[in-house]
Amino acid sequence: LAKDPYGPLVVFDECHKAKNLINESGQPTKTAMAVVALQQALPNARVMYCSATGASEPKNLAYMT
């Protein structure tokens, strides 16, 4: 990763599976927490979110930090 002049690239395929970061139960899913943790661990990374599933509400995109 250190040799890439643009920094690391993180690709989240089927990223809609991380949609439950903010939900009615108040408890985010493990998937959502893992996606956020990886982005926090690599703050200079380029991130690509891929999904053919649309978001029904803007809150479902909260994992896109």
C-alpha atoms as a PDB file:
ATOM      1  CA  LEU A   1       0.000   0.000   0.000  1.00  0.00           C
ATOM      2  CA  ALA A   2       2.806   2.414   0.790  1.00  0.00           C
ATOM      3  CA  LYS A   3       4.166   2.155  -2.763  1.00  0.00           C
ATOM      4  CA  ASP A   4       0.987   3.414  -4.421  1.00  0.00           C
ATOM      5  CA  PRO A   5       1.405   7.194  -4.858  1.00  0.00           C
ATOM      6  CA  TYR A   6      -2.383   7.657  -4.613  1.00  0.00           C
ATOM      7  CA  GLY A   7      -2.734   5.646  -1.393  1.00  0.00           C
ATOM      8  CA  PRO A   8      -4.846   2.554  -0.869  1.00  0.00           C
ATOM      9  CA  LEU A   9      -8.083   1.834  -2.687  1.00  0.00           C
ATOM     10  CA  VAL A  10     -10.926   0.249  -0.739  1.00  0.00           C
ATOM     11  CA  VAL A  11     -13.790  -1.244  -2.745  1.00  0.00           C
ATOM     12  CA  PHE A  12     -17.044  -2.155  -1.023  1.00  0.00           C
ATOM     13  CA  ASP A  13     -19.035  -4.458  -3.291  1.00  0.00           C
ATOM     14  CA  GLU A  14     -22.682  -4.950  -2.322  1.00  0.00           C
ATOM     15  CA  CYS A  15     -22.220  -1.998   0.040  1.00  0.00           C
ATOM     16  CA  HIS A  16     -25.959  -1.782   0.683  1.00  0.00           C
ATOM     17  CA  LYS A  17     -25.431  -4.588   3.216  1.00  0.00           C
ATOM     18  CA  ALA A  18     -23.891  -1.979   5.548  1.00  0.00           C
ATOM     19  CA  LYS A  19     -27.037   0.157   5.550  1.00  0.00           C
ATOM     20  CA  ASN A  20     -27.994  -0.438   9.173  1.00  0.00           C
ATOM     21  CA  LEU A  21     -25.537   1.925  10.812  1.00  0.00           C
ATOM     22  CA  ILE A  22     -28.503   4.021  11.951  1.00  0.00           C
ATOM     23  CA  ASN A  23     -31.639   2.020  12.654  1.00  0.00           C
ATOM     24  CA  GLU A  24     -34.673   1.898  14.914  1.00  0.00           C
ATOM     25  CA  SER A  25     -33.081  -0.479  17.441  1.00  0.00           C
ATOM     26  CA  GLY A  26     -30.203   1.918  18.094  1.00  0.00           C
ATOM     27  CA  GLN A  27     -27.723  -0.926  17.607  1.00  0.00           C
ATOM     28  CA  PRO A  28     -25.737  -0.830  14.344  1.00  0.00           C
ATOM     29  CA  THR A  29     -25.019  -4.123  12.623  1.00  0.00           C
ATOM     30  CA  LYS A  30     -21.566  -5.697  12.698  1.00  0.00           C
ATOM     31  CA  THR A  31     -21.288  -5.181   8.943  1.00  0.00           C
ATOM     32  CA  ALA A  32     -21.981  -1.466   9.202  1.00  0.00           C
ATOM     33  CA  MET A  33     -19.519  -1.077  12.063  1.00  0.00           C
ATOM     34  CA  ALA A  34     -16.814  -2.969  10.159  1.00  0.00           C
ATOM     35  CA  VAL A  35     -17.251  -0.739   7.090  1.00  0.00           C
ATOM     36  CA  VAL A  36     -16.943   2.420   9.185  1.00  0.00           C
ATOM     37  CA  ALA A  37     -13.966   1.037  11.145  1.00  0.00           C
ATOM     38  CA  LEU A  38     -12.069   0.220   7.964  1.00  0.00           C
ATOM     39  CA  GLN A  39     -12.636   3.727   6.610  1.00  0.00           C
ATOM     40  CA  GLN A  40     -11.460   5.250   9.902  1.00  0.00           C
ATOM     41  CA  ALA A  41      -8.371   3.021   9.909  1.00  0.00           C
ATOM     42  CA  LEU A  42      -7.436   4.192   6.390  1.00  0.00           C
ATOM     43  CA  PRO A  43      -8.384   7.898   6.361  1.00  0.00           C
ATOM     44  CA  ASN A  44      -6.401   8.663   3.187  1.00  0.00           C
ATOM     45  CA  ALA A  45      -7.814   5.768   1.200  1.00  0.00           C
ATOM     46  CA  ARG A  46      -9.821   6.222  -1.925  1.00  0.00           C
ATOM     47  CA  VAL A  47     -13.170   4.468  -1.472  1.00  0.00           C
ATOM     48  CA  MET A  48     -15.463   2.997  -4.102  1.00  0.00           C
ATOM     49  CA  TYR A  49     -18.985   1.963  -3.091  1.00  0.00           C
ATOM     50  CA  CYS A  50     -20.642  -0.525  -5.448  1.00  0.00           C
ATOM     51  CA  SER A  51     -24.229  -1.709  -5.277  1.00  0.00           C
ATOM     52  CA  ALA A  52     -27.039  -2.347  -7.717  1.00  0.00           C
ATOM     53  CA  THR A  53     -29.506  -1.955  -4.853  1.00  0.00           C
ATOM     54  CA  GLY A  54     -30.831   1.547  -4.361  1.00  0.00           C
ATOM     55  CA  ALA A  55     -31.199   3.237  -0.984  1.00  0.00           C
ATOM     56  CA  SER A  56     -34.781   3.776   0.117  1.00  0.00           C
ATOM     57  CA  GLU A  57     -33.815   6.470   2.648  1.00  0.00           C
ATOM     58  CA  PRO A  58     -30.767   8.776   2.983  1.00  0.00           C
ATOM     59  CA  LYS A  59     -30.028   7.382   6.466  1.00  0.00           C
ATOM     60  CA  ASN A  60     -29.210   4.075   4.797  1.00  0.00           C
ATOM     61  CA  LEU A  61     -26.089   5.712   3.344  1.00  0.00           C
ATOM     62  CA  ALA A  62     -24.649   6.676   6.742  1.00  0.00           C
ATOM     63  CA  TYR A  63     -21.770   4.195   6.329  1.00  0.00           C
ATOM     64  CA  MET A  64     -20.329   6.356   3.536  1.00  0.00           C
ATOM     65  CA  THR A  65     -17.903   8.330   5.627  1.00  0.00           C
END
